[in-house]
C-alpha atoms as a PDB file:
ATOM      1  CA  MET A   1      61.431  25.711 -11.414  1.00  0.00           C
ATOM      2  CA  ARG A   2      59.700  22.893  -9.524  1.00  0.00           C
ATOM      3  CA  CYS A   3      57.221  25.388  -8.196  1.00  0.00           C
ATOM      4  CA  LYS A   4      56.285  26.598 -11.695  1.00  0.00           C
ATOM      5  CA  THR A   5      55.811  23.026 -12.834  1.00  0.00           C
ATOM      6  CA  PHE A   6      53.640  22.295  -9.961  1.00  0.00           C
ATOM      7  CA  ILE A   7      51.532  25.353 -10.566  1.00  0.00           C
ATOM      8  CA  SER A   8      51.170  24.518 -14.319  1.00  0.00           C
ATOM      9  CA  LYS A   9      49.914  21.011 -13.474  1.00  0.00           C
ATOM     10  CA  LEU A  10      47.574  22.369 -11.001  1.00  0.00           C
ATOM     11  CA  LEU A  11      46.187  24.843 -13.524  1.00  0.00           C
ATOM     12  CA  PHE A  12      45.866  22.042 -16.095  1.00  0.00           C
ATOM     13  CA  VAL A  13      43.841  19.955 -13.651  1.00  0.00           C
ATOM     14  CA  PHE A  14      41.467  22.852 -12.798  1.00  0.00           C
ATOM     15  CA  PHE A  15      41.165  23.541 -16.586  1.00  0.00           C
ATOM     16  CA  VAL A  16      40.228  19.789 -17.277  1.00  0.00           C
ATOM     17  CA  ALA A  17      37.788  19.866 -14.352  1.00  0.00           C
ATOM     18  CA  SER A  18      36.079  22.969 -15.527  1.00  0.00           C
ATOM     19  CA  ILE A  19      35.519  21.372 -19.062  1.00  0.00           C
ATOM     20  CA  ILE A  20      34.007  18.241 -17.415  1.00  0.00           C
ATOM     21  CA  THR A  21      31.613  20.173 -15.240  1.00  0.00           C
ATOM     22  CA  ALA A  22      30.584  22.436 -18.137  1.00  0.00           C
ATOM     23  CA  VAL A  23      29.558  19.495 -20.245  1.00  0.00           C
ATOM     24  CA  PRO A  24      25.791  18.902 -19.665  1.00  0.00           C
ATOM     25  CA  VAL A  25      24.984  15.542 -18.111  1.00  0.00           C
ATOM     26  CA  GLY A  26      21.776  13.769 -19.294  1.00  0.00           C
ATOM     27  CA  LYS A  27      19.392  13.470 -16.475  1.00  0.00           C
ATOM     28  CA  ALA A  28      18.300   9.931 -15.883  1.00  0.00           C
ATOM     29  CA  HIS A  29      14.714  10.861 -14.866  1.00  0.00           C
ATOM     30  CA  ALA A  30      13.050  14.284 -15.371  1.00  0.00           C
ATOM     31  CA  ASP A  31      11.045  13.835 -12.249  1.00  0.00           C
ATOM     32  CA  ALA A  32      12.258  11.073  -9.953  1.00  0.00           C
ATOM     33  CA  TYR A  33       9.439  11.665  -7.674  1.00  0.00           C
ATOM     34  CA  LYS A  34       7.274   9.778 -10.168  1.00  0.00           C
ATOM     35  CA  VAL A  35       7.966   6.058 -10.351  1.00  0.00           C
ATOM     36  CA  VAL A  36       6.291   3.461 -12.542  1.00  0.00           C
ATOM     37  CA  THR A  37       6.609  -0.225 -11.793  1.00  0.00           C
ATOM     38  CA  LEU A  38       5.827  -2.724 -14.578  1.00  0.00           C
ATOM     39  CA  GLY A  39       5.175  -6.495 -14.348  1.00  0.00           C
ATOM     40  CA  ALA A  40       8.250  -8.093 -15.591  1.00  0.00           C
ATOM     41  CA  ASP A  41       6.382 -10.543 -17.771  1.00  0.00           C
ATOM     42  CA  LEU A  42       4.577  -8.025 -19.942  1.00  0.00           C
ATOM     43  CA  THR A  43       5.441  -7.647 -23.450  1.00  0.00           C
ATOM     44  CA  LYS A  44       7.339  -4.607 -24.776  1.00  0.00           C
ATOM     45  CA  GLN A  45       4.140  -3.266 -26.234  1.00  0.00           C
ATOM     46  CA  GLN A  46       2.143  -3.814 -23.143  1.00  0.00           C
ATOM     47  CA  LYS A  47       4.778  -1.936 -21.228  1.00  0.00           C
ATOM     48  CA  GLU A  48       4.473   0.956 -23.659  1.00  0.00           C
ATOM     49  CA  ASP A  49       0.791   0.904 -23.282  1.00  0.00           C
ATOM     50  CA  MET A  50       0.966   1.059 -19.440  1.00  0.00           C
ATOM     51  CA  LEU A  51       3.228   4.050 -19.700  1.00  0.00           C
ATOM     52  CA  LYS A  52       0.727   5.787 -21.928  1.00  0.00           C
ATOM     53  CA  TYR A  53      -1.956   4.938 -19.443  1.00  0.00           C
ATOM     54  CA  PHE A  54      -0.002   6.361 -16.557  1.00  0.00           C
ATOM     55  CA  GLY A  55       0.630   9.459 -18.703  1.00  0.00           C
ATOM     56  CA  VAL A  56       4.483   9.308 -18.517  1.00  0.00           C
ATOM     57  CA  THR A  57       7.455   8.566 -20.735  1.00  0.00           C
ATOM     58  CA  LYS A  58      10.735   6.965 -19.848  1.00  0.00           C
ATOM     59  CA  GLU A  59      12.253  10.336 -19.540  1.00  0.00           C
ATOM     60  CA  GLU A  60       9.672  11.515 -17.141  1.00  0.00           C
ATOM     61  CA  ALA A  61       9.683   8.912 -14.480  1.00  0.00           C
ATOM     62  CA  ASN A  62      11.727   6.279 -12.758  1.00  0.00           C
ATOM     63  CA  ILE A  63      10.722   2.974 -14.542  1.00  0.00           C
ATOM     64  CA  LEU A  64      11.216  -0.225 -12.523  1.00  0.00           C
ATOM     65  CA  GLU A  65      10.255  -3.800 -13.152  1.00  0.00           C
ATOM     66  CA  VAL A  66       8.634  -6.166 -10.588  1.00  0.00           C
ATOM     67  CA  ASN A  67       9.082  -9.876 -11.093  1.00  0.00           C
ATOM     68  CA  ARG A  68       7.420 -12.790  -9.481  1.00  0.00           C
ATOM     69  CA  ASP A  69      10.190 -13.619  -7.085  1.00  0.00           C
ATOM     70  CA  GLU A  70       9.553 -10.181  -5.420  1.00  0.00           C
ATOM     71  CA  GLU A  71       5.770 -10.935  -5.297  1.00  0.00           C
ATOM     72  CA  VAL A  72       6.396 -14.365  -3.674  1.00  0.00           C
ATOM     73  CA  LYS A  73       8.757 -12.837  -1.042  1.00  0.00           C
ATOM     74  CA  TYR A  74       5.866 -10.836   0.485  1.00  0.00           C
ATOM     75  CA  LEU A  75       2.874 -12.987  -0.491  1.00  0.00           C
ATOM     76  CA  GLY A  76       4.328 -16.429  -0.017  1.00  0.00           C
ATOM     77  CA  GLY A  77       2.602 -18.324   2.865  1.00  0.00           C
ATOM     78  CA  VAL A  78      -0.251 -15.789   2.867  1.00  0.00           C
ATOM     79  CA  ALA A  79      -1.685 -15.906  -0.590  1.00  0.00           C
ATOM     80  CA  SER A  80      -2.214 -19.244  -2.435  1.00  0.00           C
ATOM     81  CA  GLU A  81      -0.288 -20.053  -5.674  1.00  0.00           C
ATOM     82  CA  LYS A  82      -3.428 -19.413  -7.648  1.00  0.00           C
ATOM     83  CA  GLN A  83      -3.730 -16.015  -6.067  1.00  0.00           C
ATOM     84  CA  ILE A  84      -0.188 -15.108  -6.820  1.00  0.00           C
ATOM     85  CA  GLY A  85      -0.139 -16.465 -10.321  1.00  0.00           C
ATOM     86  CA  THR A  86       2.546 -17.726 -12.478  1.00  0.00           C
ATOM     87  CA  LYS A  87       3.464 -14.319 -14.066  1.00  0.00           C
ATOM     88  CA  SER A  88       4.138 -10.723 -12.765  1.00  0.00           C
ATOM     89  CA  ILE A  89       1.582  -8.618 -14.606  1.00  0.00           C
ATOM     90  CA  SER A  90       0.412  -5.798 -12.184  1.00  0.00           C
ATOM     91  CA  CYS A  91       1.706  -2.418 -12.757  1.00  0.00           C
ATOM     92  CA  SER A  92       1.681   0.883 -10.506  1.00  0.00           C
ATOM     93  CA  TYR A  93       2.268   4.639 -10.682  1.00  0.00           C
ATOM     94  CA  VAL A  94       3.424   6.210  -7.485  1.00  0.00           C
ATOM     95  CA  GLU A  95       3.992   9.790  -6.666  1.00  0.00           C
ATOM     96  CA  PRO A  96       4.683  10.698  -3.018  1.00  0.00           C
ATOM     97  CA  THR A  97       3.387  14.105  -2.042  1.00  0.00           C
ATOM     98  CA  THR A  98       3.789  16.367   1.040  1.00  0.00           C
ATOM     99  CA  LYS A  99       0.087  16.728   1.660  1.00  0.00           C
ATOM    100  CA  GLY A 100      -3.389  15.686   0.507  1.00  0.00           C
ATOM    101  CA  GLY A 101      -3.295  12.096   2.029  1.00  0.00           C
ATOM    102  CA  LEU A 102      -3.556   8.888  -0.128  1.00  0.00           C
ATOM    103  CA  LYS A 103      -5.276   9.112  -3.490  1.00  0.00           C
ATOM    104  CA  VAL A 104      -5.596   5.613  -4.884  1.00  0.00           C
ATOM    105  CA  SER A 105      -7.215   4.498  -8.143  1.00  0.00           C
ATOM    106  CA  THR A 106      -7.428   1.159  -9.848  1.00  0.00           C
ATOM    107  CA  ASN A 107      -7.919  -0.122 -13.465  1.00  0.00           C
ATOM    108  CA  ASN A 108      -8.359  -3.684 -14.756  1.00  0.00           C
ATOM    109  CA  ILE A 109      -7.917  -5.072 -11.200  1.00  0.00           C
ATOM    110  CA  TYR A 110     -10.909  -7.036  -9.926  1.00  0.00           C
ATOM    111  CA  TRP A 111      -9.750  -8.752  -6.610  1.00  0.00           C
ATOM    112  CA  VAL A 112      -8.643  -5.631  -4.741  1.00  0.00           C
ATOM    113  CA  ASN A 113     -10.037  -2.140  -4.828  1.00  0.00           C
ATOM    114  CA  GLU A 114      -8.909   1.326  -3.927  1.00  0.00           C
ATOM    115  CA  ASN A 115      -9.959   1.294  -0.340  1.00  0.00           C
ATOM    116  CA  MET A 116      -8.219  -2.103   0.253  1.00  0.00           C
ATOM    117  CA  ILE A 117      -5.008  -0.771  -1.022  1.00  0.00           C
ATOM    118  CA  LYS A 118      -5.273   2.420   0.903  1.00  0.00           C
ATOM    119  CA  ASN A 119      -5.835   0.568   4.076  1.00  0.00           C
ATOM    120  CA  ALA A 120      -2.678  -1.529   3.447  1.00  0.00           C
ATOM    121  CA  LEU A 121      -0.672   1.567   2.553  1.00  0.00           C
ATOM    122  CA  ILE A 122      -1.632   3.127   5.871  1.00  0.00           C
ATOM    123  CA  THR A 123      -0.353  -0.070   7.746  1.00  0.00           C
ATOM    124  CA  ALA A 124       2.911   0.279   5.817  1.00  0.00           C
ATOM    125  CA  GLY A 125       3.206   3.827   7.050  1.00  0.00           C
ATOM    126  CA  ILE A 126       2.636   5.838   3.871  1.00  0.00           C
ATOM    127  CA  GLU A 127       0.754   9.158   4.529  1.00  0.00           C
ATOM    128  CA  ASN A 128       0.733  11.175   1.347  1.00  0.00           C
ATOM    129  CA  ALA A 129       0.975   9.811  -2.329  1.00  0.00           C
ATOM    130  CA  ASN A 130      -0.801   9.617  -5.580  1.00  0.00           C
ATOM    131  CA  VAL A 131      -1.115   5.919  -6.514  1.00  0.00           C
ATOM    132  CA  LYS A 132      -2.588   4.142  -9.489  1.00  0.00           C
ATOM    133  CA  ALA A 133      -2.590   0.298  -9.824  1.00  0.00           C
ATOM    134  CA  SER A 134      -3.422  -1.114 -13.282  1.00  0.00           C
ATOM    135  CA  ALA A 135      -2.774  -3.828 -15.745  1.00  0.00           C
ATOM    136  CA  PRO A 136      -3.016  -4.157 -19.589  1.00  0.00           C
ATOM    137  CA  PHE A 137      -5.873  -6.684 -19.087  1.00  0.00           C
ATOM    138  CA  ASN A 138      -8.165  -7.775 -16.167  1.00  0.00           C
ATOM    139  CA  VAL A 139      -6.087  -9.469 -13.316  1.00  0.00           C
ATOM    140  CA  SER A 140      -6.646 -10.060  -9.604  1.00  0.00           C
ATOM    141  CA  GLY A 141      -4.251  -7.452  -8.530  1.00  0.00           C
ATOM    142  CA  THR A 142      -3.125  -9.535  -5.523  1.00  0.00           C
ATOM    143  CA  ALA A 143       0.581  -8.406  -6.038  1.00  0.00           C
ATOM    144  CA  ALA A 144      -0.256  -4.738  -6.827  1.00  0.00           C
ATOM    145  CA  LEU A 145       0.947  -3.569  -3.446  1.00  0.00           C
ATOM    146  CA  THR A 146       4.285  -5.107  -3.902  1.00  0.00           C
ATOM    147  CA  GLY A 147       4.890  -2.874  -6.929  1.00  0.00           C
ATOM    148  CA  ILE A 148       3.359   0.191  -5.191  1.00  0.00           C
ATOM    149  CA  LEU A 149       5.610  -0.121  -2.155  1.00  0.00           C
ATOM    150  CA  LYS A 150       8.780  -0.770  -4.303  1.00  0.00           C
ATOM    151  CA  GLY A 151       7.772   2.399  -6.234  1.00  0.00           C
ATOM    152  CA  PHE A 152       7.434   4.470  -3.130  1.00  0.00           C
ATOM    153  CA  GLU A 153      10.755   3.246  -1.955  1.00  0.00           C
ATOM    154  CA  ASN A 154      12.608   4.322  -5.083  1.00  0.00           C
ATOM    155  CA  SER A 155      11.032   7.712  -5.353  1.00  0.00           C
ATOM    156  CA  THR A 156      13.140  10.591  -4.233  1.00  0.00           C
ATOM    157  CA  GLY A 157      10.000  11.799  -2.241  1.00  0.00           C
ATOM    158  CA  GLY A 158       9.752   8.346  -0.597  1.00  0.00           C
ATOM    159  CA  LYS A 159      11.535   6.422   1.997  1.00  0.00           C
ATOM    160  CA  LYS A 160      12.560   3.043   3.066  1.00  0.00           C
ATOM    161  CA  ILE A 161       9.820   0.993   4.377  1.00  0.00           C
ATOM    162  CA  ASP A 162      10.188  -1.483   7.332  1.00  0.00           C
ATOM    163  CA  GLU A 163      10.203  -5.096   5.955  1.00  0.00           C
ATOM    164  CA  ASN A 164       7.866  -6.230   8.656  1.00  0.00           C
ATOM    165  CA  LYS A 165       5.351  -3.502   7.721  1.00  0.00           C
ATOM    166  CA  LYS A 166       5.504  -4.554   4.115  1.00  0.00           C
ATOM    167  CA  LYS A 167       4.859  -8.123   4.911  1.00  0.00           C
ATOM    168  CA  VAL A 168       1.998  -7.319   7.246  1.00  0.00           C
ATOM    169  CA  ALA A 169       0.412  -4.837   4.710  1.00  0.00           C
ATOM    170  CA  ASN A 170       0.562  -7.540   2.001  1.00  0.00           C
ATOM    171  CA  GLU A 171      -1.135  -9.962   4.340  1.00  0.00           C
ATOM    172  CA  GLU A 172      -3.882  -7.349   5.117  1.00  0.00           C
ATOM    173  CA  ILE A 173      -4.571  -7.083   1.339  1.00  0.00           C
ATOM    174  CA  VAL A 174      -4.988 -10.913   1.078  1.00  0.00           C
ATOM    175  CA  THR A 175      -7.004 -11.205   4.259  1.00  0.00           C
ATOM    176  CA  THR A 176      -9.322  -8.409   3.094  1.00  0.00           C
ATOM    177  CA  GLY A 177      -9.509  -9.811  -0.338  1.00  0.00           C
ATOM    178  CA  ASN A 178     -10.592 -13.295   0.858  1.00  0.00           C
ATOM    179  CA  LEU A 179     -13.152 -11.622   3.147  1.00  0.00           C
ATOM    180  CA  GLY A 180     -14.412  -9.461   0.168  1.00  0.00           C
ATOM    181  CA  GLU A 181     -15.342 -12.593  -1.792  1.00  0.00           C
ATOM    182  CA  LYS A 182     -17.848 -13.405   0.924  1.00  0.00           C
ATOM    183  CA  ILE A 183     -19.257 -10.049   1.933  1.00  0.00           C
ATOM    184  CA  GLY A 184     -18.147  -7.572  -0.665  1.00  0.00           C
ATOM    185  CA  GLN A 185     -15.047  -5.498  -1.093  1.00  0.00           C
ATOM    186  CA  ASP A 186     -16.115  -2.311   0.508  1.00  0.00           C
ATOM    187  CA  LYS A 187     -17.663  -4.019   3.491  1.00  0.00           C
ATOM    188  CA  ALA A 188     -14.569  -6.138   3.946  1.00  0.00           C
ATOM    189  CA  ALA A 189     -12.405  -3.049   3.717  1.00  0.00           C
ATOM    190  CA  SER A 190     -14.624  -1.256   6.245  1.00  0.00           C
ATOM    191  CA  LEU A 191     -14.633  -4.066   8.678  1.00  0.00           C
ATOM    192  CA  ILE A 192     -10.766  -4.493   8.540  1.00  0.00           C
ATOM    193  CA  ASN A 193     -10.300  -0.782   8.921  1.00  0.00           C
ATOM    194  CA  GLU A 194     -12.651  -0.643  12.042  1.00  0.00           C
ATOM    195  CA  VAL A 195     -10.931  -3.538  13.690  1.00  0.00           C
ATOM    196  CA  LYS A 196      -7.574  -2.125  13.016  1.00  0.00           C
ATOM    197  CA  LYS A 197      -8.518   1.104  14.310  1.00  0.00           C
ATOM    198  CA  GLU A 198      -9.576  -0.366  17.647  1.00  0.00           C
ATOM    199  CA  VAL A 199      -6.496  -2.523  17.901  1.00  0.00           C
ATOM    200  CA  ILE A 200      -4.105   0.298  17.291  1.00  0.00           C
ATOM    201  CA  LYS A 201      -5.982   2.588  19.629  1.00  0.00           C
ATOM    202  CA  GLU A 202      -6.411   0.130  22.532  1.00  0.00           C
ATOM    203  CA  LYS A 203      -3.185  -1.877  22.106  1.00  0.00           C
ATOM    204  CA  PRO A 204      -4.552  -5.216  23.565  1.00  0.00           C
ATOM    205  CA  LYS A 205      -2.240  -7.126  25.668  1.00  0.00           C
ATOM    206  CA  ASN A 206      -2.736 -10.543  24.157  1.00  0.00           C
ATOM    207  CA  GLU A 207      -4.523 -12.732  21.584  1.00  0.00           C
ATOM    208  CA  LYS A 208      -7.543 -13.033  23.741  1.00  0.00           C
ATOM    209  CA  GLU A 209      -8.098  -9.376  23.857  1.00  0.00           C
ATOM    210  CA  ILE A 210      -7.445  -9.002  20.130  1.00  0.00           C
ATOM    211  CA  GLU A 211     -10.098 -11.738  19.475  1.00  0.00           C
ATOM    212  CA  LYS A 212     -12.667  -9.865  21.702  1.00  0.00           C
ATOM    213  CA  ILE A 213     -12.120  -6.741  19.559  1.00  0.00           C
ATOM    214  CA  VAL A 214     -12.518  -8.792  16.317  1.00  0.00           C
ATOM    215  CA  LEU A 215     -15.608 -10.563  17.565  1.00  0.00           C
ATOM    216  CA  ASN A 216     -17.289  -7.376  18.817  1.00  0.00           C
ATOM    217  CA  VAL A 217     -16.784  -5.615  15.412  1.00  0.00           C
ATOM    218  CA  THR A 218     -17.801  -8.650  13.423  1.00  0.00           C
ATOM    219  CA  ASN A 219     -20.862  -9.353  15.689  1.00  0.00           C
ATOM    220  CA  ASN A 220     -22.237  -6.015  14.672  1.00  0.00           C
ATOM    221  CA  TYR A 221     -22.143  -7.074  11.114  1.00  0.00           C
ATOM    222  CA  ASN A 222     -25.207  -8.511   9.419  1.00  0.00           C
ATOM    223  CA  ILE A 223     -23.300 -11.510   8.010  1.00  0.00           C
ATOM    224  CA  ASN A 224     -21.928 -14.423  10.164  1.00  0.00           C
ATOM    225  CA  LEU A 225     -18.302 -15.015   9.452  1.00  0.00           C
ATOM    226  CA  SER A 226     -16.698 -18.502   9.877  1.00  0.00           C
ATOM    227  CA  ASN A 227     -14.332 -19.424  12.559  1.00  0.00           C
ATOM    228  CA  ASP A 228     -11.571 -19.522  10.092  1.00  0.00           C
ATOM    229  CA  ASP A 229     -12.412 -15.872   9.024  1.00  0.00           C
ATOM    230  CA  ILE A 230     -12.231 -14.948  12.707  1.00  0.00           C
ATOM    231  CA  LYS A 231      -8.985 -16.710  13.188  1.00  0.00           C
ATOM    232  CA  ASN A 232      -7.470 -15.105  10.180  1.00  0.00           C
ATOM    233  CA  ILE A 233      -8.545 -11.639  11.091  1.00  0.00           C
ATOM    234  CA  THR A 234      -7.338 -12.056  14.663  1.00  0.00           C
ATOM    235  CA  SER A 235      -3.933 -13.363  13.376  1.00  0.00           C
ATOM    236  CA  LEU A 236      -3.533 -10.359  11.105  1.00  0.00           C
ATOM    237  CA  MET A 237      -4.483  -7.978  13.841  1.00  0.00           C
ATOM    238  CA  GLY A 238      -2.066  -9.658  16.262  1.00  0.00           C
ATOM    239  CA  LYS A 239       0.740  -8.807  13.669  1.00  0.00           C
ATOM    240  CA  ILE A 240      -0.566  -5.174  13.228  1.00  0.00           C
ATOM    241  CA  ASN A 241      -0.632  -4.860  17.076  1.00  0.00           C
ATOM    242  CA  GLY A 242       3.014  -5.919  17.009  1.00  0.00           C
ATOM    243  CA  LEU A 243       4.037  -3.049  14.716  1.00  0.00           C
ATOM    244  CA  ASN A 244       3.391  -0.573  17.617  1.00  0.00           C
ATOM    245  CA  LEU A 245       1.709   1.893  15.325  1.00  0.00           C
ATOM    246  CA  ASP A 246       0.873   5.403  16.701  1.00  0.00           C
ATOM    247  CA  PHE A 247      -2.969   5.889  16.831  1.00  0.00           C
ATOM    248  CA  LYS A 248      -2.636   9.724  17.110  1.00  0.00           C
ATOM    249  CA  GLN A 249      -0.481   9.867  14.032  1.00  0.00           C
ATOM    250  CA  MET A 250      -2.835   7.521  12.053  1.00  0.00           C
ATOM    251  CA  LYS A 251      -6.153   8.469  13.452  1.00  0.00           C
ATOM    252  CA  ASN A 252      -7.009  11.050  10.593  1.00  0.00           C
ATOM    253  CA  GLN A 253      -6.026   8.572   7.996  1.00  0.00           C
ATOM    254  CA  LEU A 254      -8.139   5.731   9.420  1.00  0.00           C
ATOM    255  CA  ASN A 255     -11.241   8.127   9.765  1.00  0.00           C
ATOM    256  CA  ASP A 256     -10.761   9.136   6.233  1.00  0.00           C
ATOM    257  CA  VAL A 257     -11.080   5.630   5.158  1.00  0.00           C
ATOM    258  CA  THR A 258     -14.167   5.125   7.255  1.00  0.00           C
ATOM    259  CA  ASN A 259     -15.729   8.360   5.687  1.00  0.00           C
ATOM    260  CA  GLN A 260     -14.986   7.328   2.154  1.00  0.00           C
ATOM    261  CA  LEU A 261     -16.516   3.805   2.774  1.00  0.00           C
ATOM    262  CA  LYS A 262     -19.587   5.394   4.255  1.00  0.00           C
ATOM    263  CA  GLN A 263     -20.036   7.208   1.024  1.00  0.00           C
ATOM    264  CA  ASN A 264     -19.516   4.077  -0.981  1.00  0.00           C
ATOM    265  CA  LEU A 265     -21.873   2.035   0.950  1.00  0.00           C
ATOM    266  CA  ASN A 266     -24.664   4.519   0.568  1.00  0.00           C
ATOM    267  CA  SER A 267     -27.618   2.443   1.056  1.00  0.00           C
ATOM    268  CA  ASP A 268     -30.179   1.575   3.843  1.00  0.00           C
ATOM    269  CA  GLN A 269     -28.385  -1.643   4.577  1.00  0.00           C
ATOM    270  CA  ALA A 270     -24.991   0.231   4.695  1.00  0.00           C
ATOM    271  CA  LYS A 271     -26.491   2.867   7.009  1.00  0.00           C
ATOM    272  CA  GLY A 272     -27.800   0.268   9.283  1.00  0.00           C
ATOM    273  CA  PHE A 273     -24.486  -1.490   9.275  1.00  0.00           C
ATOM    274  CA  PHE A 274     -22.524   1.550  10.307  1.00  0.00           C
ATOM    275  CA  SER A 275     -25.072   2.517  12.963  1.00  0.00           C
ATOM    276  CA  ASN A 276     -24.991  -0.859  14.551  1.00  0.00           C
ATOM    277  CA  LEU A 277     -21.227  -1.180  14.146  1.00  0.00           C
ATOM    278  CA  PHE A 278     -20.426   2.074  15.957  1.00  0.00           C
ATOM    279  CA  ASP A 279     -23.087   1.631  18.596  1.00  0.00           C
ATOM    280  CA  GLY A 280     -21.809  -1.940  19.295  1.00  0.00           C
ATOM    281  CA  ILE A 281     -18.157  -0.854  19.324  1.00  0.00           C
ATOM    282  CA  LYS A 282     -19.024   2.054  21.772  1.00  0.00           C
ATOM    283  CA  ASN A 283     -20.854  -0.281  24.062  1.00  0.00           C
ATOM    284  CA  PHE A 284     -18.279  -2.996  23.992  1.00  0.00           C
ATOM    285  CA  PHE A 285     -15.280  -0.857  24.845  1.00  0.00           C
ATOM    286  CA  SER A 286     -17.132   1.113  27.555  1.00  0.00           C
ATOM    287  CA  LYS A 287     -17.470  -2.271  29.262  1.00  0.00           C
ATOM    288  CA  LEU A 288     -14.160  -3.903  28.363  1.00  0.00           C
ATOM    289  CA  PHE A 289     -11.865  -1.016  29.365  1.00  0.00           C
ATOM    290  CA  SER A 290     -13.906   0.668  31.992  1.00  0.00           C
END
């Protein structure tokens, strides 16, 4: 009798379980690979407008908010209060991919550009993704990278990013942005990219060797940088050097940025810059590491 009772209860449990599993469960996100981050201080209408711009609905992507505290966490001590701003406005669309490299575009962002963001994403360790940074109106975009990295981490196709890499990548954005105010965004991005490439490749042993690399690359530039600029770039490169990045793994990405910037700087002055830059780097390292 007890056996029959037990079997009856067991059958009832299986019956209930079959009903539960048969009921369709609403999927939270149709494509959790796609992530949109929205500035927490945007109005409801502005958030809806940004979703339309990115071409997704709430059912088609994982929608996250980025607040000012998150931005300050990675930009505090690196960017000024004015650069960070008082509100979180920047938005991003992130879709990790398995190939194709980094595809970055910007809209309504004036202080950083596509190549600056791409450079920072490479430092953070991201190899393949479609990325869009935007805002409902013109903003600096200083904090755009914070949202992009958050989006990548929260995509099913992404992964957790080392906190130190995130901080260094954000500092790279700010350092490049400050330099861009003086020499132009693409030239600043190309300069930082070339210095970074040599630092990752040569793995200098101390700050003095890092500064030599910075001075060599910057001296092949037509514009004189201030001592503070040299100091800031050297400081950034010291932190990048401390990440122990793999040059063989990153070589193609770094070269892709170089090639893209060559196309962007398609002028006689730009051609002269790259010619002098690469000749100078070649001669310098043949002497320094021979």
